[in-house]
Amino acid sequence: MTIIDDLIFLLEKNTKEISIPKIKRITIGMLFILIELENGISGLAFNKIEKDFHKHVKDAGNLTSRSIFDLVEKARFDEDVEKSIGIAAINAISQLILTQNNYSLKTDLDIVDFMEFKSTETCGMIGNIAPLVQRIVQKVKKLTVIEDNPKRWDVPAGVKIFKHHEDLKNINKLIITGSAILYKSFDSIIKNNSSLEKVAIVGPTMGTLPEPFFQRGIHAIGGMKILNPEKVHQIIMQAGGTPQFSKYCEKYLIINSHSKNYSPST
């Protein structure tokens, strides 16, 4: 079973006895996809359109009348935009469950602090979140970033950037961006790096339930709870991204209870 399979199974299990609001709105922008439920709870996904940008969404015009679980099934697709819609649907239902089941969402703990990077360490990052790269490279000996299109990025001194995750070698800790879930290699990336000292998956699109990741050795996941879906909708429709909509969201971490305890230095 893949992580997507496990997530869908878990969503179905957790929603058997709860009422899921209907879909209010689906926003498909250049960079992100937003699915908002009628109660305002929303799910976000990266809009990966590089491979088949010329293809149409098969049921465009009728998406909001579909069951949210019909859209969840799109996460199993190979087509980029269809899969992104499925991930946004998974995140929307996950956010509903996280709220109703009172998951422990740590809003006062930063991912860089949780990872406890050291100046002697060689660390990795899959996906380039530029503000994180800038902070991490100041704390570690060396940072390797894996990015699908490495030539388009300028990275700070001390950072090496490659295209293939096989170039991650001899690292101590790893941060994976939430958008990596869209790639077929996602499961193998997690499997191959689960024995590292700390592995976390973070980003605005990491809004899923944590259990399938924790079962595979991930130490923490970090996402964003959307507080003002109307503003986020407007920004996505105008080709905006995280720098513009993050102020209308709340960052959080969910820590694996079997992870090494976080112990901030005093």
Protein backbone atom coordinates (compact mmCIF):
# COMPACT_ATOMS: atom_id res chain seq x y z
CA MET A 1 0.00 0.00 0.00
CA THR A 2 1.23 3.48 -0.85
CA ILE A 3 0.98 6.48 1.44
CA ILE A 4 -1.90 7.76 -0.70
CA ASP A 5 -3.71 4.42 -0.25
CA ASP A 6 -3.19 4.56 3.51
CA LEU A 7 -4.39 8.16 3.72
CA ILE A 8 -7.59 7.40 1.80
CA PHE A 9 -8.27 4.33 3.95
CA LEU A 10 -7.74 6.39 7.10
CA LEU A 11 -10.04 9.17 5.89
CA GLU A 12 -12.81 6.70 5.10
CA LYS A 13 -12.40 5.07 8.52
CA ASN A 14 -12.49 8.37 10.40
CA THR A 15 -15.54 9.79 8.59
CA LYS A 16 -17.96 6.88 8.91
CA GLU A 17 -19.86 8.55 11.73
CA ILE A 18 -19.39 12.24 10.99
CA SER A 19 -21.15 14.53 8.57
CA ILE A 20 -18.85 15.98 5.92
CA PRO A 21 -19.87 19.43 4.65
CA LYS A 22 -20.44 19.83 0.94
CA ILE A 23 -17.85 21.49 -1.26
CA LYS A 24 -18.35 25.26 -1.36
CA ARG A 25 -15.62 26.24 -3.80
CA ILE A 26 -12.68 24.90 -5.75
CA THR A 27 -9.97 27.33 -6.77
CA ILE A 28 -7.39 26.24 -9.34
CA GLY A 29 -4.61 28.78 -9.70
CA MET A 30 -1.23 28.73 -11.40
CA LEU A 31 0.59 27.57 -8.27
CA PHE A 32 -1.97 26.13 -5.86
CA ILE A 33 -5.36 24.43 -5.69
CA LEU A 34 -7.78 25.21 -2.86
CA ILE A 35 -10.85 23.18 -1.89
CA GLU A 36 -13.11 24.91 0.61
CA LEU A 37 -15.93 23.10 2.41
CA GLU A 38 -19.18 24.85 3.34
CA ASN A 39 -18.02 25.22 6.95
CA GLY A 40 -14.88 27.09 5.83
CA ILE A 41 -12.42 24.25 6.46
CA SER A 42 -10.09 24.06 3.48
CA GLY A 43 -7.43 21.91 1.88
CA LEU A 44 -4.51 23.15 -0.18
CA ALA A 45 -2.32 21.43 -2.78
CA PHE A 46 0.53 22.45 -5.05
CA ASN A 47 -0.65 22.66 -8.67
CA LYS A 48 1.85 20.49 -10.49
CA ILE A 49 1.20 21.21 -14.16
CA GLU A 50 4.64 20.92 -15.73
CA LYS A 51 4.10 17.63 -17.56
CA ASP A 52 0.58 17.89 -18.99
CA PHE A 53 -0.36 21.55 -18.81
CA HIS A 54 -2.31 21.20 -22.07
CA LYS A 55 -4.79 18.70 -20.61
CA HIS A 56 -8.21 19.68 -19.34
CA VAL A 57 -9.65 18.59 -16.01
CA LYS A 58 -12.07 15.85 -17.07
CA ASP A 59 -15.09 17.03 -15.07
CA ALA A 60 -14.42 20.77 -15.02
CA GLY A 61 -17.62 22.71 -14.36
CA ASN A 62 -19.06 19.95 -12.20
CA LEU A 63 -16.39 19.53 -9.52
CA THR A 64 -18.25 21.32 -6.72
CA SER A 65 -21.31 19.10 -7.20
CA ARG A 66 -19.25 15.97 -6.71
CA SER A 67 -18.74 14.13 -3.45
CA ILE A 68 -15.51 15.14 -1.72
CA PHE A 69 -14.51 11.47 -1.74
CA ASP A 70 -14.96 11.38 -5.53
CA LEU A 71 -12.28 14.06 -5.67
CA VAL A 72 -10.10 12.23 -3.13
CA GLU A 73 -9.87 9.33 -5.60
CA LYS A 74 -8.13 11.65 -8.06
CA ALA A 75 -5.06 11.47 -5.79
CA ARG A 76 -4.46 8.01 -7.27
CA PHE A 77 -4.26 9.46 -10.81
CA ASP A 78 -1.02 10.03 -12.70
CA GLU A 79 -2.21 13.23 -14.40
CA ASP A 80 -0.67 16.22 -12.65
CA VAL A 81 -3.67 18.55 -12.16
CA GLU A 82 -6.11 15.72 -11.43
CA LYS A 83 -3.74 14.36 -8.78
CA SER A 84 -3.34 17.81 -7.24
CA ILE A 85 -7.13 18.13 -6.93
CA GLY A 86 -7.14 14.78 -5.14
CA ILE A 87 -4.45 15.91 -2.69
CA ALA A 88 -6.37 19.13 -1.95
CA ALA A 89 -9.46 17.01 -1.22
CA ILE A 90 -7.45 14.73 1.08
CA ASN A 91 -6.17 17.79 2.92
CA ALA A 92 -9.65 19.30 3.27
CA ILE A 93 -11.06 16.16 4.93
CA SER A 94 -7.89 15.77 6.99
CA GLN A 95 -8.25 19.31 8.33
CA LEU A 96 -11.84 18.50 9.31
CA ILE A 97 -10.71 15.40 11.22
CA LEU A 98 -7.74 17.18 12.83
CA THR A 99 -10.17 19.78 14.18
CA GLN A 100 -12.93 17.43 15.32
CA ASN A 101 -10.59 14.89 16.91
CA ASN A 102 -8.54 17.53 18.74
CA TYR A 103 -5.12 16.57 17.40
CA SER A 104 -2.22 18.25 19.18
CA LEU A 105 -1.17 21.00 16.77
CA LYS A 106 1.89 22.83 18.07
CA THR A 107 1.71 26.41 16.86
CA ASP A 108 4.53 27.69 19.07
CA LEU A 109 7.29 25.40 17.77
CA ASP A 110 9.26 26.23 14.65
CA ILE A 111 10.43 23.41 12.36
CA VAL A 112 14.04 24.65 12.41
CA ASP A 113 14.04 24.59 16.21
CA PHE A 114 12.48 21.12 16.25
CA MET A 115 15.12 19.72 13.89
CA GLU A 116 17.92 20.98 16.16
CA PHE A 117 20.43 21.40 13.36
CA LYS A 118 24.11 21.35 14.34
CA SER A 119 27.17 22.91 12.73
CA THR A 120 28.76 19.46 12.34
CA GLU A 121 25.86 18.01 10.33
CA THR A 122 25.26 17.46 6.64
CA CYS A 123 21.56 17.83 5.96
CA GLY A 124 19.17 17.47 3.05
CA MET A 125 16.05 19.11 1.75
CA ILE A 126 13.72 17.79 -0.94
CA GLY A 127 12.02 20.76 -2.55
CA ASN A 128 13.28 24.30 -2.28
CA ILE A 129 11.52 26.46 0.31
CA ALA A 130 13.86 29.43 0.00
CA PRO A 131 13.30 31.00 3.46
CA LEU A 132 13.99 27.62 5.11
CA VAL A 133 17.11 27.09 3.02
CA GLN A 134 18.43 30.49 4.09
CA ARG A 135 17.96 29.62 7.77
CA ILE A 136 19.19 26.04 7.68
CA VAL A 137 22.41 26.72 5.76
CA GLN A 138 23.52 29.05 8.56
CA LYS A 139 23.25 26.23 11.10
CA VAL A 140 24.76 23.19 9.36
CA LYS A 141 28.06 22.14 7.81
CA LYS A 142 26.52 21.41 4.42
CA LEU A 143 23.04 21.43 2.89
CA THR A 144 21.98 19.47 -0.18
CA VAL A 145 18.72 20.50 -1.89
CA ILE A 146 16.85 18.31 -4.37
CA GLU A 147 14.73 20.29 -6.82
CA ASP A 148 12.94 19.20 -10.00
CA ASN A 149 14.37 22.12 -11.97
CA PRO A 150 17.64 23.04 -10.22
CA LYS A 151 18.88 25.46 -12.87
CA ARG A 152 16.15 28.00 -12.16
CA TRP A 153 17.21 28.53 -8.54
CA ASP A 154 19.93 30.70 -7.07
CA VAL A 155 21.01 29.17 -3.78
CA PRO A 156 23.26 30.56 -1.04
CA ALA A 157 26.88 29.58 -0.57
CA GLY A 158 27.15 26.26 1.21
CA VAL A 159 24.16 24.77 -0.61
CA LYS A 160 24.42 22.16 -3.35
CA ILE A 161 21.36 21.62 -5.53
CA PHE A 162 20.61 18.51 -7.60
CA LYS A 163 17.66 17.07 -9.52
CA HIS A 164 17.61 13.45 -8.31
CA HIS A 165 17.00 12.30 -4.74
CA GLU A 166 19.69 9.65 -5.22
CA ASP A 167 22.16 12.52 -4.81
CA LEU A 168 21.24 12.75 -1.13
CA LYS A 169 24.20 11.00 0.45
CA ASN A 170 25.58 10.78 3.98
CA ILE A 171 23.06 13.16 5.51
CA ASN A 172 22.04 13.34 9.17
CA LYS A 173 18.64 15.01 8.88
CA LEU A 174 16.12 15.66 6.12
CA ILE A 175 13.25 18.04 5.45
CA ILE A 176 10.80 17.08 2.70
CA THR A 177 8.37 19.65 1.30
CA GLY A 178 4.70 18.70 1.24
CA SER A 179 4.48 19.10 -2.54
CA ALA A 180 6.73 16.04 -2.93
CA ILE A 181 3.68 13.85 -2.29
CA LEU A 182 2.72 14.48 -5.93
CA TYR A 183 5.73 12.54 -7.22
CA LYS A 184 5.84 8.78 -7.82
CA SER A 185 9.15 8.60 -5.96
CA PHE A 186 7.61 9.93 -2.72
CA ASP A 187 7.16 6.55 -1.03
CA SER A 188 10.67 5.38 -1.90
CA ILE A 189 12.16 8.67 -0.67
CA ILE A 190 10.57 8.14 2.73
CA LYS A 191 11.53 4.46 2.86
CA ASN A 192 15.15 5.19 1.97
CA ASN A 193 15.54 7.96 4.57
CA SER A 194 13.41 6.78 7.51
CA SER A 195 16.46 5.75 9.55
CA LEU A 196 17.94 9.26 9.68
CA GLU A 197 18.20 11.06 13.00
CA LYS A 198 15.27 13.33 12.11
CA VAL A 199 12.99 13.54 9.08
CA ALA A 200 10.15 16.04 8.77
CA ILE A 201 7.65 16.87 6.04
CA VAL A 202 6.53 20.50 5.97
CA GLY A 203 4.92 23.16 3.86
CA PRO A 204 1.60 24.88 3.21
CA THR A 205 0.28 21.81 1.36
CA MET A 206 1.14 19.33 4.14
CA GLY A 207 -2.36 19.27 5.59
CA THR A 208 -2.89 15.52 5.84
CA LEU A 209 -3.45 13.21 8.79
CA PRO A 210 -0.05 12.25 10.25
CA GLU A 211 -0.41 8.53 11.00
CA PRO A 212 0.72 7.03 7.64
CA PHE A 213 3.87 9.15 7.83
CA PHE A 214 4.60 8.40 11.47
CA GLN A 215 4.22 4.67 10.79
CA ARG A 216 6.99 5.07 8.21
CA GLY A 217 9.40 6.76 10.59
CA ILE A 218 8.71 10.45 9.98
CA HIS A 219 9.35 12.48 13.13
CA ALA A 220 7.08 15.47 12.47
CA ILE A 221 4.80 17.00 9.89
CA GLY A 222 4.14 20.70 9.59
CA GLY A 223 1.33 22.37 7.72
CA MET A 224 -0.85 25.46 7.63
CA LYS A 225 -4.40 25.83 8.86
CA ILE A 226 -6.27 28.26 6.62
CA LEU A 227 -7.95 30.93 8.76
CA ASN A 228 -9.33 33.14 5.99
CA PRO A 229 -10.24 31.02 2.93
CA GLU A 230 -11.71 34.01 1.10
CA LYS A 231 -8.38 35.87 1.14
CA VAL A 232 -6.44 32.72 0.25
CA HIS A 233 -8.86 32.13 -2.65
CA GLN A 234 -8.30 35.66 -3.97
CA ILE A 235 -4.52 35.32 -3.78
CA ILE A 236 -4.44 31.92 -5.50
CA MET A 237 -6.73 33.22 -8.28
CA GLN A 238 -4.25 36.06 -8.84
CA ALA A 239 -1.31 33.62 -9.19
CA GLY A 240 -0.05 34.32 -5.68
CA GLY A 241 1.74 31.90 -3.42
CA THR A 242 2.85 31.26 0.14
CA PRO A 243 4.51 34.67 0.70
CA GLN A 244 1.16 36.33 0.01
CA PHE A 245 -1.31 33.99 1.74
CA SER A 246 0.69 32.78 4.76
CA LYS A 247 -0.55 35.71 6.89
CA TYR A 248 -4.06 34.33 6.51
CA CYS A 249 -2.99 30.93 7.83
CA GLU A 250 -1.56 29.45 11.01
CA LYS A 251 1.52 27.24 10.90
CA TYR A 252 1.58 24.13 13.06
CA LEU A 253 3.63 21.02 13.78
CA ILE A 254 2.40 17.54 14.68
CA ILE A 255 5.15 15.56 16.39
CA ASN A 256 5.43 11.78 16.33
CA SER A 257 5.09 10.61 19.93
CA HIS A 258 7.75 7.96 19.24
CA SER A 259 10.19 10.58 18.01
CA LYS A 260 13.14 11.65 20.09
CA ASN A 261 11.93 14.26 22.52
CA TYR A 262 12.49 17.84 21.48
CA SER A 263 14.70 19.52 24.05
CA PRO A 264 15.47 23.17 23.31
CA SER A 265 18.85 24.35 24.49
CA THR A 266 18.83 26.60 27.52
